[in-house]
């Protein structure tokens, strides 16, 4: 069905194997109601900034030349999907809790822009979610981008698949549910991730 608006949610470090109706019922509901793929592969190197640069700009790391989490602009002429939407006359918004990701979005690409720098903390997700909810309810941007980090933090701290990681995935799903409610039925929701993980890293 046609939707007037789009909300893009990137969940850092979400391994598909923990996406179950018990752990993540909201995400499973979205997957069942729309299109889904659980066998996608990330880019090389499987690192957060290069992966998001590829997702945001639609090009491989060989084009944007980002190979680690250093904070800098991508190379090349490609534009982010927010910049393309903005140039087409759509209102846009980004709410990100990590400055290296905000650097991937052009300075004039977002009409509403929140770039938090509170230390890459799992509690960032609550703050980010509330800010996005407020934006969706009061500003109603056509295209909104946001990012949730708790799964990646739990994976590095306790291991992908650990009880702490599963708890982080469940909490992330609760926040996703709040975003879905705030977005309303006229919004298409795209949920993606940059990588999974094995042990305490995502190199594999």
N, C-alpha and C. Protein backbone atom coordinates (compact mmCIF):
# COMPACT_ATOMS: atom_id res chain seq x y z
N UNK A 1 0.84 -1.19 0.00
CA UNK A 1 0.00 0.00 0.00
C UNK A 1 0.88 1.25 0.00
N UNK A 2 0.35 2.31 -0.61
CA UNK A 2 1.09 3.57 -0.68
C UNK A 2 1.17 4.21 0.69
N UNK A 3 2.32 4.75 1.03
CA UNK A 3 2.50 5.49 2.26
C UNK A 3 3.06 6.86 1.94
N UNK A 4 2.59 7.87 2.65
CA UNK A 4 3.00 9.24 2.38
C UNK A 4 4.38 9.55 2.93
N UNK A 5 4.75 8.90 4.04
CA UNK A 5 6.00 9.22 4.72
C UNK A 5 6.84 7.97 4.92
N UNK A 6 8.13 8.19 5.23
CA UNK A 6 9.05 7.08 5.45
C UNK A 6 9.85 7.33 6.71
N UNK A 7 9.94 6.31 7.55
CA UNK A 7 10.81 6.32 8.73
C UNK A 7 11.85 5.22 8.56
N UNK A 8 13.12 5.58 8.57
CA UNK A 8 14.22 4.62 8.45
C UNK A 8 14.88 4.48 9.81
N UNK A 9 14.92 3.23 10.32
CA UNK A 9 15.51 2.95 11.63
C UNK A 9 16.66 1.98 11.44
N UNK A 10 17.87 2.42 11.75
CA UNK A 10 19.03 1.53 11.72
C UNK A 10 19.32 1.07 13.14
N UNK A 11 19.31 -0.25 13.35
CA UNK A 11 19.60 -0.84 14.65
C UNK A 11 21.01 -1.41 14.59
N UNK A 12 21.94 -0.74 15.22
CA UNK A 12 23.35 -1.13 15.14
C UNK A 12 23.56 -2.53 15.74
N UNK A 13 24.21 -3.41 14.97
CA UNK A 13 24.64 -4.70 15.48
C UNK A 13 23.53 -5.70 15.72
N UNK A 14 22.40 -5.59 15.03
CA UNK A 14 21.28 -6.52 15.25
C UNK A 14 21.47 -7.79 14.44
N UNK A 15 21.73 -8.90 15.14
CA UNK A 15 21.92 -10.19 14.48
C UNK A 15 20.55 -10.80 14.16
N UNK A 16 20.31 -11.22 12.92
CA UNK A 16 19.00 -11.77 12.57
C UNK A 16 18.56 -12.94 13.44
N UNK A 17 19.50 -13.70 13.98
CA UNK A 17 19.11 -14.89 14.73
C UNK A 17 18.37 -14.58 16.03
N UNK A 18 18.41 -13.33 16.51
CA UNK A 18 17.66 -13.00 17.72
C UNK A 18 16.32 -12.35 17.42
N UNK A 19 16.01 -12.19 16.14
CA UNK A 19 14.72 -11.59 15.78
C UNK A 19 13.67 -12.70 15.79
N UNK A 20 12.99 -12.85 16.91
CA UNK A 20 11.96 -13.87 17.07
C UNK A 20 10.68 -13.20 17.57
N UNK A 21 9.52 -13.85 17.42
CA UNK A 21 8.28 -13.27 17.93
C UNK A 21 8.30 -13.04 19.43
N UNK A 22 9.12 -13.80 20.16
CA UNK A 22 9.21 -13.61 21.60
C UNK A 22 10.10 -12.42 21.96
N UNK A 23 11.27 -12.35 21.33
CA UNK A 23 12.23 -11.30 21.65
C UNK A 23 11.85 -9.96 21.02
N UNK A 24 11.41 -9.99 19.76
CA UNK A 24 11.17 -8.75 19.02
C UNK A 24 9.83 -8.83 18.29
N UNK A 25 8.72 -8.83 19.02
CA UNK A 25 7.41 -8.96 18.37
C UNK A 25 7.06 -7.81 17.44
N UNK A 26 7.48 -6.60 17.77
CA UNK A 26 7.15 -5.47 16.91
C UNK A 26 7.88 -5.55 15.57
N UNK A 27 9.16 -5.91 15.61
CA UNK A 27 9.91 -6.04 14.38
C UNK A 27 9.38 -7.21 13.55
N UNK A 28 9.05 -8.32 14.20
CA UNK A 28 8.48 -9.45 13.47
C UNK A 28 7.14 -9.07 12.84
N UNK A 29 6.36 -8.27 13.54
CA UNK A 29 5.09 -7.82 12.97
C UNK A 29 5.29 -6.99 11.72
N UNK A 30 6.29 -6.10 11.76
CA UNK A 30 6.59 -5.31 10.58
C UNK A 30 7.06 -6.21 9.43
N UNK A 31 7.90 -7.18 9.76
CA UNK A 31 8.41 -8.09 8.72
C UNK A 31 7.27 -8.88 8.07
N UNK A 32 6.34 -9.35 8.88
CA UNK A 32 5.22 -10.13 8.35
C UNK A 32 4.25 -9.27 7.54
N UNK A 33 4.15 -7.99 7.91
CA UNK A 33 3.21 -7.11 7.22
C UNK A 33 3.78 -6.53 5.93
N UNK A 34 5.10 -6.62 5.76
CA UNK A 34 5.71 -6.02 4.58
C UNK A 34 6.68 -6.96 3.92
N UNK A 35 7.81 -6.43 3.48
CA UNK A 35 8.87 -7.22 2.86
C UNK A 35 10.00 -7.39 3.85
N UNK A 36 10.67 -8.53 3.80
CA UNK A 36 11.76 -8.75 4.75
C UNK A 36 12.83 -9.64 4.13
N UNK A 37 14.05 -9.50 4.65
CA UNK A 37 15.17 -10.32 4.24
C UNK A 37 16.07 -10.53 5.45
N UNK A 38 16.34 -11.78 5.76
CA UNK A 38 17.18 -12.10 6.92
C UNK A 38 18.50 -12.75 6.51
N UNK A 39 18.83 -12.70 5.23
CA UNK A 39 20.08 -13.28 4.76
C UNK A 39 21.00 -12.25 4.12
N UNK A 40 20.72 -10.98 4.33
CA UNK A 40 21.56 -9.95 3.74
C UNK A 40 22.97 -9.98 4.33
N UNK A 41 23.93 -9.52 3.56
CA UNK A 41 25.31 -9.45 4.04
C UNK A 41 25.76 -7.99 4.04
N UNK A 42 26.60 -7.68 5.01
CA UNK A 42 27.11 -6.32 5.09
C UNK A 42 28.28 -6.13 4.14
N UNK A 43 28.85 -4.94 4.16
CA UNK A 43 29.96 -4.61 3.28
C UNK A 43 31.27 -5.07 3.92
N UNK A 44 32.33 -4.99 3.16
CA UNK A 44 33.68 -5.17 3.67
C UNK A 44 34.39 -3.83 3.64
N UNK A 45 34.92 -3.39 4.78
CA UNK A 45 34.94 -4.05 6.08
C UNK A 45 33.59 -3.93 6.80
N UNK A 46 33.24 -4.94 7.64
CA UNK A 46 31.96 -4.94 8.34
C UNK A 46 31.99 -4.05 9.58
N UNK A 47 32.11 -2.76 9.35
CA UNK A 47 32.30 -1.78 10.41
C UNK A 47 31.18 -0.74 10.29
N UNK A 48 30.81 -0.12 11.41
CA UNK A 48 29.61 0.71 11.47
C UNK A 48 29.63 1.88 10.49
N UNK A 49 30.67 2.68 10.48
CA UNK A 49 30.68 3.85 9.60
C UNK A 49 30.70 3.47 8.12
N UNK A 50 31.60 2.57 7.67
CA UNK A 50 31.54 2.18 6.26
C UNK A 50 30.20 1.59 5.86
N UNK A 51 29.61 0.76 6.73
CA UNK A 51 28.33 0.15 6.40
C UNK A 51 27.23 1.20 6.28
N UNK A 52 27.19 2.14 7.22
CA UNK A 52 26.17 3.18 7.13
C UNK A 52 26.42 4.12 5.95
N UNK A 53 27.66 4.39 5.63
CA UNK A 53 27.93 5.21 4.45
C UNK A 53 27.38 4.54 3.21
N UNK A 54 27.53 3.22 3.13
CA UNK A 54 27.00 2.50 1.98
C UNK A 54 25.48 2.49 1.98
N UNK A 55 24.88 2.31 3.16
CA UNK A 55 23.42 2.32 3.24
C UNK A 55 22.85 3.70 2.93
N UNK A 56 23.46 4.74 3.47
CA UNK A 56 22.94 6.09 3.27
C UNK A 56 23.14 6.58 1.85
N UNK A 57 24.27 6.21 1.23
CA UNK A 57 24.64 6.76 -0.08
C UNK A 57 24.46 5.79 -1.24
N UNK A 58 24.26 4.52 -0.94
CA UNK A 58 24.00 3.55 -2.01
C UNK A 58 25.22 3.17 -2.82
N UNK A 59 26.41 3.26 -2.23
CA UNK A 59 27.63 2.91 -2.94
C UNK A 59 28.51 2.03 -2.04
N UNK A 60 29.42 1.31 -2.66
CA UNK A 60 30.32 0.43 -1.93
C UNK A 60 31.45 1.24 -1.26
N UNK A 61 32.11 0.64 -0.26
CA UNK A 61 33.27 1.31 0.35
C UNK A 61 34.38 1.65 -0.64
N UNK A 62 34.47 0.89 -1.73
CA UNK A 62 35.47 1.23 -2.75
C UNK A 62 35.19 2.57 -3.41
N UNK A 63 33.96 3.06 -3.25
CA UNK A 63 33.59 4.37 -3.81
C UNK A 63 33.69 5.46 -2.75
N UNK A 64 33.14 5.21 -1.56
CA UNK A 64 33.17 6.28 -0.54
C UNK A 64 34.46 6.29 0.28
N UNK A 65 35.26 5.22 0.19
CA UNK A 65 36.60 5.15 0.80
C UNK A 65 36.61 5.27 2.32
N UNK A 66 35.52 4.92 2.98
CA UNK A 66 35.51 4.87 4.44
C UNK A 66 35.72 3.42 4.86
N UNK A 67 36.76 3.19 5.65
CA UNK A 67 37.12 1.81 6.00
C UNK A 67 37.19 1.58 7.50
N UNK A 68 36.93 2.62 8.31
CA UNK A 68 36.92 2.46 9.76
C UNK A 68 35.92 3.47 10.32
N UNK A 69 35.94 3.65 11.64
CA UNK A 69 34.96 4.53 12.28
C UNK A 69 35.46 5.95 12.48
N UNK A 70 36.46 6.34 11.71
CA UNK A 70 36.93 7.72 11.75
C UNK A 70 35.82 8.65 11.28
N UNK A 71 35.71 9.78 11.94
CA UNK A 71 34.67 10.76 11.60
C UNK A 71 35.13 11.61 10.43
N UNK A 72 34.57 11.34 9.25
CA UNK A 72 34.86 12.19 8.09
C UNK A 72 33.81 11.96 7.01
N UNK A 73 33.75 12.87 6.07
CA UNK A 73 32.77 12.80 4.99
C UNK A 73 33.15 11.71 3.99
N UNK A 74 32.16 11.06 3.37
CA UNK A 74 32.46 10.10 2.31
C UNK A 74 33.06 10.79 1.09
N UNK A 75 33.89 10.06 0.37
CA UNK A 75 34.41 10.55 -0.90
C UNK A 75 33.37 10.33 -2.00
N UNK A 76 33.60 11.00 -3.11
CA UNK A 76 32.79 10.76 -4.29
C UNK A 76 31.56 11.65 -4.38
N UNK A 77 30.87 11.57 -5.52
CA UNK A 77 29.73 12.47 -5.78
C UNK A 77 28.39 11.96 -5.26
N UNK A 78 28.33 10.77 -4.70
CA UNK A 78 27.04 10.23 -4.29
C UNK A 78 26.43 11.06 -3.17
N UNK A 79 25.09 11.15 -3.19
CA UNK A 79 24.37 11.88 -2.16
C UNK A 79 23.61 10.90 -1.25
N UNK A 80 23.39 11.31 -0.02
CA UNK A 80 22.60 10.47 0.87
C UNK A 80 21.14 10.49 0.44
N UNK A 81 20.39 9.47 0.88
CA UNK A 81 18.97 9.43 0.51
C UNK A 81 18.22 10.62 1.11
N UNK A 82 18.70 11.14 2.26
CA UNK A 82 18.06 12.34 2.80
C UNK A 82 18.29 13.54 1.89
N UNK A 83 19.50 13.66 1.35
CA UNK A 83 19.79 14.78 0.45
C UNK A 83 18.95 14.67 -0.83
N UNK A 84 18.78 13.47 -1.34
CA UNK A 84 17.97 13.27 -2.54
C UNK A 84 16.52 13.63 -2.26
N UNK A 85 16.00 13.20 -1.11
CA UNK A 85 14.62 13.52 -0.75
C UNK A 85 14.45 15.03 -0.56
N UNK A 86 15.42 15.66 0.09
CA UNK A 86 15.34 17.09 0.33
C UNK A 86 15.36 17.86 -0.99
N UNK A 87 16.21 17.43 -1.91
CA UNK A 87 16.29 18.10 -3.21
C UNK A 87 15.00 17.94 -4.00
N UNK A 88 14.25 16.87 -3.72
CA UNK A 88 12.98 16.63 -4.40
C UNK A 88 11.82 17.37 -3.74
N UNK A 89 12.13 18.18 -2.73
CA UNK A 89 11.10 18.97 -2.09
C UNK A 89 10.45 18.33 -0.89
N UNK A 90 10.98 17.21 -0.43
CA UNK A 90 10.44 16.53 0.75
C UNK A 90 11.06 17.11 2.02
N UNK A 91 10.28 17.16 3.08
CA UNK A 91 10.84 17.56 4.37
C UNK A 91 11.56 16.37 4.98
N UNK A 92 12.70 16.62 5.61
CA UNK A 92 13.56 15.54 6.08
C UNK A 92 14.01 15.78 7.51
N UNK A 93 14.37 14.68 8.18
CA UNK A 93 14.84 14.79 9.56
C UNK A 93 15.83 13.67 9.84
N UNK A 94 16.80 13.94 10.71
CA UNK A 94 17.70 12.90 11.19
C UNK A 94 17.91 13.09 12.68
N UNK A 95 17.86 11.97 13.41
CA UNK A 95 18.12 11.98 14.85
C UNK A 95 19.13 10.88 15.11
N UNK A 96 20.38 11.26 15.37
CA UNK A 96 21.47 10.31 15.51
C UNK A 96 22.22 10.58 16.82
N UNK A 97 22.71 9.51 17.44
CA UNK A 97 23.39 9.67 18.73
C UNK A 97 24.89 9.42 18.62
N UNK A 98 25.41 9.47 17.40
CA UNK A 98 26.84 9.25 17.22
C UNK A 98 27.33 10.15 16.11
N UNK A 99 28.25 11.04 16.42
CA UNK A 99 28.66 12.07 15.46
C UNK A 99 29.28 11.53 14.18
N UNK A 100 30.05 10.41 14.20
CA UNK A 100 30.55 9.90 12.92
C UNK A 100 29.44 9.55 11.92
N UNK A 101 28.26 9.16 12.41
CA UNK A 101 27.16 8.90 11.49
C UNK A 101 26.53 10.19 11.00
N UNK A 102 26.44 11.18 11.87
CA UNK A 102 25.91 12.47 11.43
C UNK A 102 26.78 13.08 10.34
N UNK A 103 28.07 12.78 10.37
CA UNK A 103 29.00 13.30 9.35
C UNK A 103 28.68 12.74 7.96
N UNK A 104 27.98 11.62 7.91
CA UNK A 104 27.63 11.00 6.62
C UNK A 104 26.47 11.70 5.93
N UNK A 105 25.78 12.58 6.66
CA UNK A 105 24.64 13.31 6.11
C UNK A 105 25.09 14.72 5.77
N UNK A 106 24.80 15.15 4.56
CA UNK A 106 25.23 16.47 4.12
C UNK A 106 24.66 17.57 5.02
N UNK A 107 25.37 18.71 5.15
CA UNK A 107 24.93 19.77 6.06
C UNK A 107 23.52 20.28 5.81
N UNK A 108 23.09 20.29 4.54
CA UNK A 108 21.77 20.84 4.21
C UNK A 108 20.75 19.76 3.89
N UNK A 109 21.03 18.50 4.26
CA UNK A 109 20.14 17.40 3.87
C UNK A 109 18.94 17.24 4.78
N UNK A 110 19.01 17.73 6.01
CA UNK A 110 17.94 17.52 6.97
C UNK A 110 17.36 18.85 7.43
N UNK A 111 16.05 18.99 7.29
CA UNK A 111 15.37 20.18 7.80
C UNK A 111 15.37 20.20 9.33
N UNK A 112 15.24 19.02 9.91
CA UNK A 112 15.29 18.87 11.37
C UNK A 112 16.44 17.91 11.67
N UNK A 113 17.40 18.39 12.43
CA UNK A 113 18.62 17.60 12.64
C UNK A 113 18.99 17.59 14.12
N UNK A 114 19.13 16.38 14.67
CA UNK A 114 19.59 16.21 16.04
C UNK A 114 20.81 15.31 16.00
N UNK A 115 21.93 15.80 16.49
CA UNK A 115 23.17 15.03 16.56
C UNK A 115 23.68 15.05 17.99
N UNK A 116 23.43 13.96 18.71
CA UNK A 116 23.80 13.88 20.12
C UNK A 116 25.24 13.42 20.25
N UNK A 117 25.89 13.86 21.30
CA UNK A 117 27.27 13.45 21.56
C UNK A 117 27.42 13.21 23.06
N UNK A 118 26.67 12.20 23.54
CA UNK A 118 26.64 11.95 24.99
C UNK A 118 27.49 10.76 25.41
N UNK A 119 28.30 10.24 24.51
CA UNK A 119 29.24 9.20 24.89
C UNK A 119 28.92 7.80 24.44
N UNK A 120 27.99 7.66 23.47
CA UNK A 120 27.69 6.34 22.90
C UNK A 120 27.25 5.39 24.02
N UNK A 121 26.10 5.68 24.59
CA UNK A 121 25.60 5.02 25.78
C UNK A 121 24.29 4.33 25.47
N UNK A 122 23.99 3.17 26.10
CA UNK A 122 22.72 2.50 25.80
C UNK A 122 21.50 3.33 26.13
N UNK A 123 21.63 4.26 27.07
CA UNK A 123 20.50 5.13 27.40
C UNK A 123 20.24 6.16 26.30
N UNK A 124 21.18 6.30 25.38
CA UNK A 124 20.95 7.19 24.23
C UNK A 124 19.68 6.79 23.48
N UNK A 125 19.40 5.49 23.42
CA UNK A 125 18.26 5.03 22.64
C UNK A 125 16.94 5.59 23.17
N UNK A 126 16.81 5.71 24.49
CA UNK A 126 15.59 6.28 25.05
C UNK A 126 15.45 7.75 24.65
N UNK A 127 16.56 8.48 24.72
CA UNK A 127 16.55 9.89 24.35
C UNK A 127 16.24 10.05 22.86
N UNK A 128 16.91 9.26 22.04
CA UNK A 128 16.69 9.32 20.59
C UNK A 128 15.24 9.01 20.27
N UNK A 129 14.71 7.96 20.86
CA UNK A 129 13.34 7.57 20.56
C UNK A 129 12.36 8.68 20.93
N UNK A 130 12.53 9.29 22.09
CA UNK A 130 11.62 10.35 22.49
C UNK A 130 11.71 11.54 21.54
N UNK A 131 12.91 11.86 21.10
CA UNK A 131 13.06 12.98 20.17
C UNK A 131 12.41 12.67 18.83
N UNK A 132 12.54 11.43 18.37
CA UNK A 132 11.90 11.05 17.11
C UNK A 132 10.38 11.05 17.26
N UNK A 133 9.89 10.52 18.37
CA UNK A 133 8.44 10.53 18.62
C UNK A 133 7.91 11.96 18.57
N UNK A 134 8.60 12.88 19.22
CA UNK A 134 8.16 14.29 19.22
C UNK A 134 8.17 14.86 17.80
N UNK A 135 9.22 14.55 17.04
CA UNK A 135 9.29 15.02 15.65
C UNK A 135 8.13 14.47 14.82
N UNK A 136 7.90 13.17 14.94
CA UNK A 136 6.85 12.53 14.14
C UNK A 136 5.47 13.08 14.48
N UNK A 137 5.26 13.40 15.73
CA UNK A 137 3.94 13.89 16.15
C UNK A 137 3.72 15.35 15.82
N UNK A 138 4.77 16.17 15.90
CA UNK A 138 4.58 17.61 15.79
C UNK A 138 5.05 18.19 14.46
N UNK A 139 6.10 17.64 13.88
CA UNK A 139 6.64 18.18 12.63
C UNK A 139 6.22 17.37 11.40
N UNK A 140 6.00 16.09 11.58
CA UNK A 140 5.57 15.19 10.51
C UNK A 140 6.46 15.26 9.27
N UNK A 141 7.79 15.07 9.42
CA UNK A 141 8.65 15.10 8.23
C UNK A 141 8.29 13.97 7.27
N UNK A 142 8.58 14.20 6.01
CA UNK A 142 8.29 13.18 5.00
C UNK A 142 9.25 11.99 5.10
N UNK A 143 10.52 12.27 5.38
CA UNK A 143 11.54 11.22 5.48
C UNK A 143 12.34 11.46 6.75
N UNK A 144 12.36 10.45 7.61
CA UNK A 144 13.06 10.56 8.90
C UNK A 144 14.04 9.41 9.04
N UNK A 145 15.24 9.72 9.49
CA UNK A 145 16.28 8.73 9.75
C UNK A 145 16.63 8.74 11.23
N UNK A 146 16.73 7.55 11.83
CA UNK A 146 17.23 7.46 13.19
C UNK A 146 18.04 6.18 13.38
N UNK A 147 18.62 6.06 14.58
CA UNK A 147 19.65 5.04 14.81
C UNK A 147 19.61 4.65 16.28
N UNK A 148 19.58 3.32 16.53
CA UNK A 148 19.56 2.79 17.90
C UNK A 148 20.80 1.93 18.13
N UNK A 149 21.42 2.06 19.30
CA UNK A 149 22.78 1.55 19.48
C UNK A 149 22.93 0.45 20.52
N UNK A 150 21.91 0.18 21.34
CA UNK A 150 22.08 -0.70 22.50
C UNK A 150 22.51 -2.12 22.13
N UNK A 151 22.03 -2.65 21.02
CA UNK A 151 22.41 -4.02 20.64
C UNK A 151 23.90 -4.14 20.38
N UNK A 152 24.46 -3.17 19.68
CA UNK A 152 25.90 -3.20 19.41
C UNK A 152 26.70 -3.10 20.70
N UNK A 153 26.29 -2.22 21.60
CA UNK A 153 26.99 -2.06 22.86
C UNK A 153 26.94 -3.35 23.68
N UNK A 154 25.77 -4.00 23.72
CA UNK A 154 25.65 -5.25 24.48
C UNK A 154 26.46 -6.36 23.83
N UNK A 155 26.52 -6.38 22.50
CA UNK A 155 27.32 -7.40 21.82
C UNK A 155 28.79 -7.28 22.15
N UNK A 156 29.31 -6.06 22.12
CA UNK A 156 30.72 -5.87 22.43
C UNK A 156 31.02 -6.12 23.91
N UNK A 157 30.09 -5.76 24.78
CA UNK A 157 30.34 -5.89 26.21
C UNK A 157 30.15 -7.32 26.71
N UNK A 158 29.12 -8.01 26.22
CA UNK A 158 28.75 -9.31 26.78
C UNK A 158 28.71 -10.44 25.76
N UNK A 159 28.75 -10.11 24.47
CA UNK A 159 28.73 -11.12 23.43
C UNK A 159 27.41 -11.16 22.70
N UNK A 160 27.49 -11.31 21.38
CA UNK A 160 26.29 -11.46 20.56
C UNK A 160 25.61 -12.78 20.94
N UNK A 161 24.34 -12.70 21.29
CA UNK A 161 23.60 -13.88 21.71
C UNK A 161 23.57 -14.09 23.21
N UNK A 162 24.32 -13.31 23.97
CA UNK A 162 24.32 -13.42 25.43
C UNK A 162 22.97 -12.96 25.97
N UNK A 163 22.64 -13.32 27.23
CA UNK A 163 21.39 -12.82 27.81
C UNK A 163 21.30 -11.30 27.80
N UNK A 164 22.42 -10.62 28.02
CA UNK A 164 22.43 -9.16 27.99
C UNK A 164 22.12 -8.64 26.58
N UNK A 165 22.64 -9.35 25.60
CA UNK A 165 22.38 -8.95 24.22
C UNK A 165 20.90 -9.15 23.86
N UNK A 166 20.35 -10.29 24.25
CA UNK A 166 18.93 -10.56 23.97
C UNK A 166 18.06 -9.53 24.67
N UNK A 167 18.42 -9.16 25.90
CA UNK A 167 17.66 -8.14 26.62
C UNK A 167 17.73 -6.80 25.89
N UNK A 168 18.89 -6.47 25.35
CA UNK A 168 19.03 -5.22 24.60
C UNK A 168 18.16 -5.25 23.34
N UNK A 169 18.12 -6.41 22.67
CA UNK A 169 17.27 -6.53 21.48
C UNK A 169 15.80 -6.37 21.85
N UNK A 170 15.39 -6.96 22.98
CA UNK A 170 14.00 -6.84 23.41
C UNK A 170 13.65 -5.39 23.74
N UNK A 171 14.55 -4.69 24.42
CA UNK A 171 14.30 -3.29 24.73
C UNK A 171 14.26 -2.45 23.47
N UNK A 172 15.14 -2.74 22.54
CA UNK A 172 15.13 -2.04 21.26
C UNK A 172 13.80 -2.22 20.55
N UNK A 173 13.25 -3.43 20.63
CA UNK A 173 11.96 -3.70 20.00
C UNK A 173 10.85 -2.88 20.65
N UNK A 174 10.91 -2.71 21.97
CA UNK A 174 9.93 -1.86 22.64
C UNK A 174 9.99 -0.43 22.11
N UNK A 175 11.20 0.08 21.93
CA UNK A 175 11.36 1.43 21.40
C UNK A 175 10.87 1.50 19.96
N UNK A 176 11.13 0.46 19.19
CA UNK A 176 10.64 0.41 17.82
C UNK A 176 9.11 0.47 17.81
N UNK A 177 8.48 -0.22 18.76
CA UNK A 177 7.03 -0.15 18.86
C UNK A 177 6.53 1.25 19.13
N UNK A 178 7.24 1.99 19.99
CA UNK A 178 6.86 3.38 20.27
C UNK A 178 7.00 4.24 19.01
N UNK A 179 8.05 4.00 18.24
CA UNK A 179 8.24 4.73 16.99
C UNK A 179 7.14 4.41 15.99
N UNK A 180 6.75 3.14 15.93
CA UNK A 180 5.69 2.73 15.00
C UNK A 180 4.37 3.42 15.34
N UNK A 181 4.05 3.48 16.62
CA UNK A 181 2.81 4.13 17.03
C UNK A 181 2.85 5.61 16.68
N UNK A 182 3.97 6.26 16.97
CA UNK A 182 4.08 7.69 16.68
C UNK A 182 4.05 7.98 15.18
N UNK A 183 4.62 7.07 14.39
CA UNK A 183 4.66 7.27 12.94
C UNK A 183 3.27 7.21 12.33
N UNK A 184 2.44 6.33 12.85
CA UNK A 184 1.07 6.24 12.34
C UNK A 184 0.96 5.43 11.07
N UNK A 185 -0.27 5.18 10.63
CA UNK A 185 -0.50 4.27 9.50
C UNK A 185 -0.11 4.82 8.14
N UNK A 186 0.17 6.13 8.06
CA UNK A 186 0.54 6.70 6.76
C UNK A 186 2.04 6.71 6.53
N UNK A 187 2.79 6.01 7.39
CA UNK A 187 4.26 6.00 7.31
C UNK A 187 4.77 4.60 7.00
N UNK A 188 5.61 4.49 5.99
CA UNK A 188 6.33 3.24 5.73
C UNK A 188 7.54 3.20 6.64
N UNK A 189 7.78 2.05 7.26
CA UNK A 189 8.90 1.91 8.19
C UNK A 189 9.91 0.94 7.62
N UNK A 190 11.14 1.41 7.48
CA UNK A 190 12.25 0.58 6.99
C UNK A 190 13.20 0.35 8.16
N UNK A 191 13.40 -0.92 8.53
CA UNK A 191 14.30 -1.26 9.62
C UNK A 191 15.48 -2.02 9.03
N UNK A 192 16.68 -1.60 9.37
CA UNK A 192 17.87 -2.25 8.84
C UNK A 192 18.94 -2.32 9.92
N UNK A 193 20.03 -2.98 9.61
CA UNK A 193 21.18 -3.04 10.50
C UNK A 193 22.46 -2.95 9.69
N UNK A 194 23.55 -2.68 10.37
CA UNK A 194 24.82 -2.55 9.66
C UNK A 194 25.64 -3.83 9.68
N UNK A 195 25.42 -4.68 10.70
CA UNK A 195 26.17 -5.93 10.81
C UNK A 195 25.58 -6.74 11.94
N UNK A 196 25.93 -8.02 11.99
CA UNK A 196 25.62 -8.86 13.15
C UNK A 196 26.84 -8.98 14.01
N UNK A 197 27.08 -10.18 14.56
CA UNK A 197 28.25 -10.36 15.37
C UNK A 197 28.41 -11.79 15.85
N UNK A 198 29.64 -12.15 16.17
CA UNK A 198 29.99 -13.46 16.74
C UNK A 198 30.93 -13.20 17.90
N UNK A 199 30.69 -13.84 19.04
CA UNK A 199 31.49 -13.53 20.21
C UNK A 199 31.29 -12.08 20.59
N UNK A 200 32.38 -11.34 20.74
CA UNK A 200 32.27 -9.94 21.09
C UNK A 200 32.70 -9.00 19.96
N UNK A 201 32.71 -9.51 18.75
CA UNK A 201 33.07 -8.64 17.62
C UNK A 201 32.17 -8.94 16.45
N UNK A 202 32.26 -8.07 15.44
CA UNK A 202 31.46 -8.29 14.23
C UNK A 202 32.34 -8.47 13.00
N UNK A 203 33.58 -8.85 13.20
CA UNK A 203 34.45 -9.10 12.06
C UNK A 203 34.05 -10.32 11.25
N UNK A 204 33.33 -11.25 11.90
CA UNK A 204 32.87 -12.46 11.21
C UNK A 204 31.40 -12.38 10.84
